[in-house]
Amino acid sequence: GKGFQHLEAKAKATLESDNTNGAAEREGSSKNINDEEMTEIVKHFIQRPKSRLRGWVLEGYPETLGEAKGMKAHSIVPYQVFQLGGEKKQLLGRILDDKDKKLSSSEKKKEGGEEQANEISRLNKYFKHNMDVQIHFQCTYDNLHCLNSKLTPWRMSRKVIDSVHDSMNRRRAFHASWRAGRPARLYGMAVTQEQLQTRLNKAYGWYCPVSWIEEQALRKRVYDYRFMALFKGGVFCLADEAKLAMFEKNPEKYAQKEGKGLPSDLPIRLDYIHAHVLKAKDCVLRGKDPVDTKKIQDTNVKNVVPADGRESLVVKYKGRHYRFKDEQNLEEFMIFPRKYENVALPSLEDMLKDLLGSLGKTMAEPLIDAMTHLGKKRPIYPSAKAPESAALFVALHLKAFNAKKGDEELKICKNGLNEFIKACSVATKLSKAYNQKDEEEATFLAKLYDFYALAAPKT
């Protein structure tokens, strides 16, 4: 028949494979097949003329990480990998339902318990190795597609067919662009990370050339196959679909050779361990967020303190360290470091001028009123010096006559002011009493002197 050559599971593969290289003799029992032997069988199947001509489909393989790595070692590259996702209970129910539909009532009774035990064993093995195999294909080729097990068989097969058609169209477009000397998109080409590293353009690396030339922006894309293109033997990483389209339109403008392109000093994000060693005083702006500081300065907002940067969000740029309050600001700095590297906090003198200016506009009258009453009362609070007593009186007076407060709150504040004034009067009363005692003592001594003077005999 026409279409892809189909290889199902291990046991069936060994029976259907040719006797070339002694494959059928080696596979007397699929349980005794090791990873290397199974990979040889699959490789033999794929190299058959029909498979090479029509393409091939592997079902139930690879089951383990060892088999997946064996495929890579033997250069067996699947263009697409489909993985059925779902819970174990749900998948088991679906498999058993499909089995029941194919069996007669007598066969169901005979094979029911044994069949369920076998399927549970298969599913346990699947879930044991599935995550490792899944990560391997996602990280190695970026060609993994997950299917929802809740879909009907028809919808699931439709999704697979559509995905395969898209993959074939992308491959045709890639080869057409490559033969014509134009940028060829790598998405869907099952390119390994090792191949990318060897072909990566050395002037830009993982950075987008269009963003740098047009905006002086350092936009980085690491192993994102969606926006990668092969041009003149080099791989270029673009920031997004729009930048990729610009690169395809005029690739010669952006395809710089070695020695040109990015600056030598690039921002580097520190890992958790190195970031936590640094103190706020070791960072620029004493640990304040430079992006937040720049935004405050650009909006000309007064008396707003920039946010403190987090210990875990640190970037090293040109030998200096910067902290950031969140991931968004850190990413902004990584893209436009030159924009924020020279941001500085305002001087103490400027901050005081701004503070006094704002105070002059909003608090002139209340301050004058408070200072007038201070001059009249001249309060001295017990255990406090005159400057401290004056500051306390002004603060309480401002609170007691604040027009923005409610009636109840004003009443409480005025009571607090009256209690303060009453406490200050204690010192005055004590001083008067002490002075009065001195006067009484002096009068008594004078009279006593006069008495003795009168009583003294004349000589």
Protein backbone atom coordinates (compact mmCIF):
# COMPACT_ATOMS: atom_id res chain seq x y z
CA GLY A 1 0.00 0.00 0.00
CA LYS A 2 0.90 3.66 -0.24
CA GLY A 3 1.94 5.95 2.64
CA PHE A 4 4.45 5.70 5.46
CA GLN A 5 6.11 2.43 6.36
CA HIS A 6 4.79 1.50 9.81
CA LEU A 7 6.77 -0.29 12.54
CA GLU A 8 4.71 -1.05 15.65
CA ALA A 9 6.07 -2.41 18.93
CA LYS A 10 9.17 -4.46 19.69
CA ALA A 11 7.65 -7.95 19.39
CA LYS A 12 5.99 -7.18 16.07
CA ALA A 13 9.08 -5.41 14.79
CA THR A 14 11.22 -8.50 15.26
CA LEU A 15 8.74 -10.71 13.42
CA GLU A 16 8.23 -8.34 10.47
CA SER A 17 11.86 -7.35 9.96
CA ASP A 18 13.86 -9.13 7.27
CA ASN A 19 16.44 -11.79 8.01
CA THR A 20 19.22 -9.41 6.92
CA ASN A 21 22.14 -9.44 9.39
CA GLY A 22 20.43 -12.21 11.32
CA ALA A 23 17.78 -9.93 12.75
CA ALA A 24 14.98 -12.53 12.92
CA GLU A 25 17.25 -15.09 14.62
CA ARG A 26 18.31 -12.55 17.22
CA GLU A 27 14.71 -11.65 18.13
CA GLY A 28 13.32 -15.04 19.20
CA SER A 29 11.82 -13.26 22.19
CA SER A 30 11.37 -9.52 22.43
CA LYS A 31 11.91 -9.61 26.20
CA ASN A 32 15.57 -10.54 25.72
CA ILE A 33 16.36 -7.67 23.39
CA ASN A 34 18.66 -5.05 24.82
CA ASP A 35 18.67 -1.38 23.77
CA GLU A 36 21.55 -1.75 21.31
CA GLU A 37 19.99 -4.71 19.53
CA MET A 38 16.61 -2.99 19.27
CA THR A 39 18.23 0.08 17.81
CA GLU A 40 19.92 -2.08 15.16
CA ILE A 41 16.53 -3.58 14.22
CA VAL A 42 14.94 -0.16 13.93
CA LYS A 43 17.87 1.15 11.90
CA HIS A 44 17.57 -1.81 9.51
CA PHE A 45 13.84 -1.14 9.12
CA ILE A 46 14.40 2.56 8.39
CA GLN A 47 17.14 1.88 5.82
CA ARG A 48 14.90 -0.35 3.69
CA PRO A 49 14.19 1.13 0.25
CA LYS A 50 10.44 1.50 0.91
CA SER A 51 11.05 3.33 4.19
CA ARG A 52 13.59 5.65 2.62
CA LEU A 53 11.23 6.39 -0.27
CA ARG A 54 7.94 6.84 1.61
CA GLY A 55 9.05 7.78 5.12
CA TRP A 56 8.44 5.80 8.28
CA VAL A 57 6.45 5.71 11.53
CA LEU A 58 7.66 4.11 14.79
CA GLU A 59 4.97 3.14 17.30
CA GLY A 60 5.84 2.20 20.88
CA TYR A 61 9.51 3.03 20.38
CA PRO A 62 11.63 4.28 22.04
CA GLU A 63 10.33 3.18 25.43
CA THR A 64 13.39 4.06 27.52
CA LEU A 65 15.96 6.83 27.63
CA GLY A 66 18.64 4.33 26.57
CA GLU A 67 16.73 3.54 23.39
CA ALA A 68 16.21 7.26 22.69
CA LYS A 69 19.95 7.94 23.06
CA GLY A 70 20.69 4.89 20.89
CA MET A 71 18.60 6.44 18.10
CA LYS A 72 20.66 9.62 18.30
CA ALA A 73 23.94 7.65 18.29
CA HIS A 74 22.85 5.83 15.11
CA SER A 75 21.65 9.09 13.48
CA ILE A 76 18.01 8.01 13.52
CA VAL A 77 16.27 11.37 13.59
CA PRO A 78 12.45 11.52 13.79
CA TYR A 79 11.04 14.70 12.31
CA GLN A 80 8.17 14.66 14.80
CA VAL A 81 7.51 12.83 18.07
CA PHE A 82 3.95 12.42 19.36
CA GLN A 83 3.34 11.64 23.01
CA LEU A 84 -0.05 10.69 24.46
CA GLY A 85 -0.70 12.67 27.62
CA GLY A 86 -3.15 11.80 30.38
CA GLU A 87 -3.59 10.11 33.74
CA LYS A 88 -2.81 6.43 34.19
CA LYS A 89 -6.38 5.50 35.13
CA GLN A 90 -7.82 7.32 32.14
CA LEU A 91 -5.39 5.75 29.66
CA LEU A 92 -5.99 2.27 31.06
CA GLY A 93 -9.76 2.66 30.72
CA ARG A 94 -9.39 3.81 27.15
CA ILE A 95 -7.10 0.91 26.18
CA LEU A 96 -9.39 -1.69 27.75
CA ASP A 97 -12.47 -0.19 26.10
CA ASP A 98 -10.78 -0.43 22.70
CA LYS A 99 -9.83 -4.05 23.42
CA ASP A 100 -13.40 -4.94 24.47
CA LYS A 101 -14.82 -3.58 21.22
CA LYS A 102 -12.57 -5.91 19.22
CA LEU A 103 -13.21 -9.09 21.29
CA SER A 104 -16.27 -11.32 21.34
CA SER A 105 -18.11 -12.05 24.62
CA SER A 106 -16.43 -15.47 25.05
CA GLU A 107 -12.98 -14.01 24.44
CA LYS A 108 -13.67 -11.28 27.00
CA LYS A 109 -14.36 -13.81 29.74
CA LYS A 110 -11.27 -15.82 28.87
CA GLU A 111 -8.78 -12.93 28.61
CA GLY A 112 -10.34 -10.26 30.87
CA GLY A 113 -8.19 -10.45 34.01
CA GLU A 114 -4.94 -11.40 32.30
CA GLU A 115 -5.36 -8.72 29.64
CA GLN A 116 -5.94 -6.01 32.25
CA ALA A 117 -2.84 -7.11 34.20
CA ASN A 118 -0.74 -6.93 31.03
CA GLU A 119 -2.00 -3.48 30.15
CA ILE A 120 -1.35 -2.21 33.69
CA SER A 121 2.21 -3.55 33.46
CA ARG A 122 2.73 -1.79 30.12
CA LEU A 123 1.36 1.50 31.46
CA ASN A 124 3.55 1.33 34.56
CA LYS A 125 6.59 0.92 32.35
CA TYR A 126 5.39 3.75 30.12
CA PHE A 127 4.99 6.20 33.01
CA LYS A 128 8.28 5.10 34.55
CA HIS A 129 10.36 6.09 31.50
CA ASN A 130 8.05 8.55 29.73
CA MET A 131 9.29 11.75 31.34
CA ASP A 132 12.97 11.01 30.59
CA VAL A 133 12.20 10.18 26.95
CA GLN A 134 10.01 13.27 26.65
CA ILE A 135 12.71 15.60 28.00
CA HIS A 136 15.32 14.00 25.72
CA PHE A 137 13.39 14.73 22.53
CA GLN A 138 12.32 18.19 23.66
CA CYS A 139 15.85 19.27 24.57
CA THR A 140 17.65 17.49 21.72
CA TYR A 141 15.45 18.24 18.71
CA ASP A 142 12.58 20.42 19.99
CA ASN A 143 10.15 18.27 18.01
CA LEU A 144 7.86 16.86 20.72
CA HIS A 145 4.07 17.16 20.35
CA CYS A 146 1.68 16.21 23.16
CA LEU A 147 -1.74 14.75 22.34
CA ASN A 148 -4.68 14.94 24.72
CA SER A 149 -5.88 11.44 25.56
CA LYS A 150 -9.43 12.76 26.01
CA LEU A 151 -9.75 13.38 22.26
CA THR A 152 -11.58 10.86 20.14
CA PRO A 153 -9.44 8.63 17.91
CA TRP A 154 -10.65 10.53 14.85
CA ARG A 155 -9.74 13.96 16.30
CA MET A 156 -6.40 12.66 17.49
CA SER A 157 -5.50 11.18 14.11
CA ARG A 158 -6.64 14.42 12.44
CA LYS A 159 -4.25 16.44 14.61
CA VAL A 160 -1.38 14.08 13.82
CA ILE A 161 -2.07 14.21 10.07
CA ASP A 162 -2.29 18.01 10.07
CA SER A 163 0.94 18.27 12.05
CA VAL A 164 2.73 15.92 9.64
CA HIS A 165 1.50 17.95 6.65
CA ASP A 166 2.77 21.15 8.27
CA SER A 167 6.13 19.51 8.90
CA MET A 168 6.41 18.36 5.29
CA ASN A 169 5.56 21.85 4.03
CA ARG A 170 8.18 23.41 6.31
CA ARG A 171 10.81 20.99 5.04
CA ARG A 172 9.95 21.77 1.42
CA ALA A 173 10.17 25.50 2.15
CA PHE A 174 13.51 25.02 3.91
CA HIS A 175 15.10 23.17 0.99
CA ALA A 176 13.67 25.64 -1.55
CA SER A 177 15.10 28.64 0.37
CA TRP A 178 18.43 26.91 0.98
CA ARG A 179 18.90 26.02 -2.72
CA ALA A 180 18.00 29.60 -3.71
CA GLY A 181 20.58 31.08 -1.29
CA ARG A 182 17.93 32.72 0.89
CA PRO A 183 17.54 32.42 4.71
CA ALA A 184 15.99 29.04 5.49
CA ARG A 185 13.90 28.59 8.63
CA LEU A 186 15.05 25.83 10.97
CA TYR A 187 11.79 25.27 12.84
CA GLY A 188 10.62 21.68 12.39
CA MET A 189 13.92 20.49 10.91
CA ALA A 190 14.84 18.35 13.95
CA VAL A 191 18.21 20.09 14.34
CA THR A 192 20.21 19.07 17.41
CA GLN A 193 21.73 21.53 19.87
CA GLU A 194 25.22 20.35 18.93
CA GLN A 195 24.53 21.21 15.29
CA LEU A 196 23.30 24.65 16.29
CA GLN A 197 26.40 25.34 18.36
CA THR A 198 28.75 24.49 15.49
CA ARG A 199 26.81 26.62 12.97
CA LEU A 200 25.93 29.58 15.22
CA ASN A 201 26.93 32.95 13.75
CA LYS A 202 29.99 34.07 15.72
CA ALA A 203 29.33 37.80 15.43
CA TYR A 204 25.94 37.64 17.19
CA GLY A 205 25.67 34.23 18.85
CA TRP A 206 22.24 33.88 20.47
CA TYR A 207 21.43 37.59 20.04
CA CYS A 208 19.12 39.01 17.40
CA PRO A 209 21.08 40.94 14.73
CA VAL A 210 18.02 42.89 13.58
CA SER A 211 17.27 44.16 17.09
CA TRP A 212 20.87 45.28 17.57
CA ILE A 213 21.28 47.07 14.24
CA GLU A 214 17.85 48.72 14.25
CA GLU A 215 17.35 49.45 17.97
CA GLN A 216 20.68 48.82 19.71
CA ALA A 217 18.75 46.22 21.71
CA LEU A 218 20.31 43.01 23.05
CA ARG A 219 17.44 40.56 22.55
CA LYS A 220 18.54 37.00 23.21
CA ARG A 221 16.99 33.74 21.97
CA VAL A 222 18.55 30.51 23.24
CA TYR A 223 17.49 27.27 21.52
CA ASP A 224 14.22 28.80 20.28
CA TYR A 225 13.90 27.05 16.92
CA ARG A 226 10.80 29.01 15.92
CA PHE A 227 12.83 32.11 15.03
CA MET A 228 16.08 30.66 13.71
CA ALA A 229 17.32 30.81 10.13
CA LEU A 230 20.23 29.26 8.23
CA PHE A 231 21.98 31.67 5.88
CA LYS A 232 25.34 31.20 4.15
CA GLY A 233 26.25 28.34 6.47
CA GLY A 234 25.54 30.26 9.69
CA VAL A 235 22.59 30.07 12.08
CA PHE A 236 20.98 33.38 13.07
CA CYS A 237 18.67 33.75 16.09
CA LEU A 238 15.90 36.33 15.72
CA ALA A 239 13.80 37.88 18.48
CA ASP A 240 10.33 37.26 17.03
CA GLU A 241 8.37 36.69 13.84
CA ALA A 242 8.60 40.36 12.78
CA LYS A 243 12.41 40.41 13.15
CA LEU A 244 12.67 37.10 11.26
CA ALA A 245 10.64 38.57 8.39
CA MET A 246 12.95 41.61 8.28
CA PHE A 247 15.98 39.32 8.20
CA GLU A 248 14.50 37.27 5.34
CA LYS A 249 13.78 40.45 3.38
CA ASN A 250 17.34 41.84 3.61
CA PRO A 251 19.71 39.22 5.06
CA GLU A 252 22.90 40.83 3.71
CA LYS A 253 22.31 43.91 5.85
CA TYR A 254 22.25 41.91 9.09
CA ALA A 255 24.60 38.99 8.39
CA GLN A 256 27.77 40.53 9.80
CA LYS A 257 31.08 38.71 9.67
CA GLU A 258 33.41 38.08 12.59
CA GLY A 259 34.91 41.16 14.20
CA LYS A 260 31.69 43.16 13.77
CA GLY A 261 28.34 43.04 15.45
CA LEU A 262 27.86 43.04 19.21
CA PRO A 263 29.94 45.03 21.74
CA SER A 264 32.51 43.19 23.81
CA ASP A 265 30.81 43.97 27.15
CA LEU A 266 27.50 42.16 27.48
CA PRO A 267 25.24 42.02 30.56
CA ILE A 268 25.46 38.75 32.48
CA ARG A 269 22.84 37.59 34.95
CA LEU A 270 24.37 36.16 38.12
CA ASP A 271 23.18 32.85 39.49
CA TYR A 272 21.54 32.52 42.91
CA ILE A 273 24.73 31.74 44.83
CA HIS A 274 26.87 34.57 43.44
CA ALA A 275 24.01 37.08 43.66
CA HIS A 276 23.41 36.47 47.38
CA VAL A 277 27.07 37.10 48.25
CA LEU A 278 26.72 40.76 47.23
CA LYS A 279 25.49 43.39 49.67
CA ALA A 280 23.42 46.44 48.72
CA LYS A 281 26.46 48.70 49.24
CA ASP A 282 28.39 46.65 46.66
CA CYS A 283 25.80 47.40 43.95
CA VAL A 284 25.20 50.51 41.87
CA LEU A 285 22.67 52.98 43.37
CA ARG A 286 23.18 51.31 46.76
CA GLY A 287 20.99 48.41 45.67
CA LYS A 288 18.15 50.48 44.18
CA ASP A 289 16.56 49.35 40.91
CA PRO A 290 18.14 51.39 38.03
CA VAL A 291 15.14 50.87 35.73
CA ASP A 292 12.74 52.09 38.41
CA THR A 293 15.04 55.03 39.15
CA LYS A 294 15.14 56.01 35.47
CA LYS A 295 11.35 55.87 35.15
CA ILE A 296 10.91 58.15 38.18
CA GLN A 297 13.41 60.66 36.81
CA ASP A 298 11.83 60.65 33.33
CA THR A 299 8.33 61.32 34.73
CA ASN A 300 9.74 64.12 36.92
CA VAL A 301 7.87 62.88 39.97
CA LYS A 302 9.17 64.40 43.22
CA ASN A 303 9.66 62.77 46.61
CA VAL A 304 9.32 59.19 45.29
CA VAL A 305 12.00 56.75 46.45
CA PRO A 306 13.12 54.11 43.89
CA ALA A 307 12.37 50.50 44.76
CA ASP A 308 15.04 48.34 46.38
CA GLY A 309 16.40 45.54 44.21
CA ARG A 310 16.03 41.91 45.26
CA GLU A 311 19.07 39.91 46.33
CA SER A 312 18.39 37.18 43.77
CA LEU A 313 17.99 39.52 40.74
CA VAL A 314 21.50 40.77 39.98
CA VAL A 315 23.18 41.59 36.65
CA LYS A 316 26.87 42.24 36.09
CA TYR A 317 27.65 44.80 33.40
CA LYS A 318 31.03 46.43 32.70
CA GLY A 319 32.38 45.24 36.04
CA ARG A 320 29.51 46.72 38.09
CA HIS A 321 26.53 45.01 39.70
CA TYR A 322 22.90 46.08 39.46
CA ARG A 323 19.91 44.87 41.47
CA PHE A 324 16.29 44.76 40.25
CA LYS A 325 12.90 44.60 41.94
CA ASP A 326 11.37 42.09 39.47
CA GLU A 327 12.06 39.96 36.39
CA GLN A 328 10.49 42.50 34.05
CA ASN A 329 12.93 45.27 35.00
CA LEU A 330 15.85 42.85 34.86
CA GLU A 331 14.87 41.81 31.32
CA GLU A 332 14.54 45.47 30.33
CA PHE A 333 18.10 46.14 31.53
CA MET A 334 19.44 43.05 29.75
CA ILE A 335 18.00 44.40 26.47
CA PHE A 336 18.97 48.09 26.89
CA PRO A 337 21.92 48.20 29.35
CA ARG A 338 23.39 51.39 27.89
CA LYS A 339 20.15 53.23 28.66
CA TYR A 340 20.40 52.57 32.39
CA GLU A 341 24.12 52.20 33.17
CA ASN A 342 24.65 55.91 33.99
CA VAL A 343 21.50 56.46 36.05
CA ALA A 344 22.32 58.13 39.40
CA LEU A 345 20.39 58.89 42.56
CA PRO A 346 19.74 62.60 43.27
CA SER A 347 22.15 64.29 45.72
CA LEU A 348 21.13 64.94 49.33
CA GLU A 349 21.09 68.68 48.64
CA ASP A 350 18.64 68.27 45.74
CA MET A 351 16.43 65.98 47.81
CA LEU A 352 16.30 68.55 50.64
CA LYS A 353 15.44 71.34 48.19
CA ASP A 354 12.60 69.31 46.74
CA LEU A 355 11.34 68.43 50.21
CA LEU A 356 11.41 72.02 51.45
CA GLY A 357 9.80 73.23 48.25
CA SER A 358 6.89 70.84 48.61
CA LEU A 359 6.57 71.66 52.31
CA GLY A 360 6.49 75.36 51.51
CA LYS A 361 3.52 74.89 49.19
CA THR A 362 1.38 72.69 51.41
CA MET A 363 2.36 73.47 55.00
CA ALA A 364 3.31 77.14 55.16
CA GLU A 365 0.24 78.37 57.07
CA PRO A 366 0.04 75.45 59.55
CA LEU A 367 3.75 75.79 60.30
CA ILE A 368 3.50 79.55 60.91
CA ASP A 369 0.56 79.00 63.26
CA ALA A 370 2.41 76.25 65.14
CA MET A 371 5.57 78.37 65.47
CA THR A 372 3.54 81.34 66.75
CA HIS A 373 1.98 79.25 69.51
CA LEU A 374 5.38 77.76 70.29
CA GLY A 375 6.75 81.25 70.92
CA LYS A 376 3.89 82.01 73.26
CA LYS A 377 3.94 78.76 75.21
CA ARG A 378 7.69 78.07 75.27
CA PRO A 379 7.04 74.49 76.51
CA ILE A 380 9.67 72.39 78.28
CA TYR A 381 8.73 68.74 78.46
CA PRO A 382 10.02 66.77 81.50
CA SER A 383 13.27 64.88 80.76
CA ALA A 384 13.57 66.66 77.37
CA LYS A 385 15.69 69.59 76.28
CA ALA A 386 14.28 72.76 74.77
CA PRO A 387 14.85 71.80 71.04
CA GLU A 388 13.24 68.40 71.54
CA SER A 389 10.29 69.93 73.38
CA ALA A 390 9.82 72.48 70.59
CA ALA A 391 9.83 69.78 67.89
CA LEU A 392 7.28 67.69 69.82
CA PHE A 393 4.99 70.69 70.28
CA VAL A 394 5.09 71.59 66.54
CA ALA A 395 4.35 67.99 65.51
CA LEU A 396 1.39 67.67 67.89
CA HIS A 397 0.06 71.09 66.88
CA LEU A 398 0.15 70.19 63.17
CA LYS A 399 -1.76 66.97 63.85
CA ALA A 400 -4.32 68.72 66.08
CA PHE A 401 -5.15 71.34 63.42
CA ASN A 402 -4.93 69.21 60.28
CA ALA A 403 -7.94 70.09 58.11
CA LYS A 404 -7.83 66.70 56.32
CA LYS A 405 -8.57 64.70 59.47
CA GLY A 406 -12.06 63.79 60.65
CA ASP A 407 -13.75 65.27 63.71
CA GLU A 408 -13.14 62.27 65.94
CA GLU A 409 -9.48 62.04 64.97
CA LEU A 410 -9.01 65.80 65.48
CA LYS A 411 -10.54 65.52 68.93
CA ILE A 412 -8.07 62.80 69.90
CA CYS A 413 -5.12 64.82 68.54
CA LYS A 414 -6.19 67.97 70.41
CA ASN A 415 -6.47 66.01 73.62
CA GLY A 416 -2.93 64.76 73.02
CA LEU A 417 -1.73 68.36 72.54
CA ASN A 418 -3.44 69.51 75.74
CA GLU A 419 -1.90 66.63 77.71
CA PHE A 420 1.52 67.61 76.35
CA ILE A 421 1.03 71.27 77.39
CA LYS A 422 -0.15 70.17 80.84
CA ALA A 423 2.93 67.98 81.25
CA CYS A 424 5.16 70.88 80.22
CA SER A 425 3.59 73.10 82.89
CA VAL A 426 4.84 70.77 85.63
CA ALA A 427 8.41 72.00 85.17
CA THR A 428 7.29 75.65 85.41
CA LYS A 429 5.35 75.01 88.62
CA LEU A 430 8.28 73.20 90.20
CA SER A 431 10.61 76.05 89.29
CA LYS A 432 8.27 78.64 90.89
CA ALA A 433 7.88 76.56 94.05
CA TYR A 434 11.64 76.17 94.34
CA ASN A 435 12.20 79.91 93.90
CA GLN A 436 9.49 80.70 96.51
CA LYS A 437 11.20 78.36 99.01
CA ASP A 438 14.50 80.18 98.47
CA GLU A 439 12.83 83.54 99.18
CA GLU A 440 11.23 82.27 102.39
CA GLU A 441 14.54 80.83 103.61
CA ALA A 442 16.35 84.13 102.89
CA THR A 443 13.74 86.16 104.85
CA PHE A 444 13.97 83.83 107.86
CA LEU A 445 17.76 84.06 107.96
CA ALA A 446 17.64 87.85 107.77
CA LYS A 447 15.24 88.08 110.67
CA LEU A 448 17.33 85.65 112.70
CA TYR A 449 20.43 87.76 112.04
CA ASP A 450 18.60 90.88 113.19
CA PHE A 451 17.45 89.05 116.34
CA TYR A 452 20.96 88.01 117.25
CA ALA A 453 22.25 91.43 116.42
CA LEU A 454 19.76 93.01 118.83
CA ALA A 455 20.50 90.50 121.59
CA ALA A 456 24.25 90.79 121.35
CA PRO A 457 25.84 92.78 124.18
CA LYS A 458 27.54 96.03 123.36
CA THR A 459 31.31 96.14 123.73
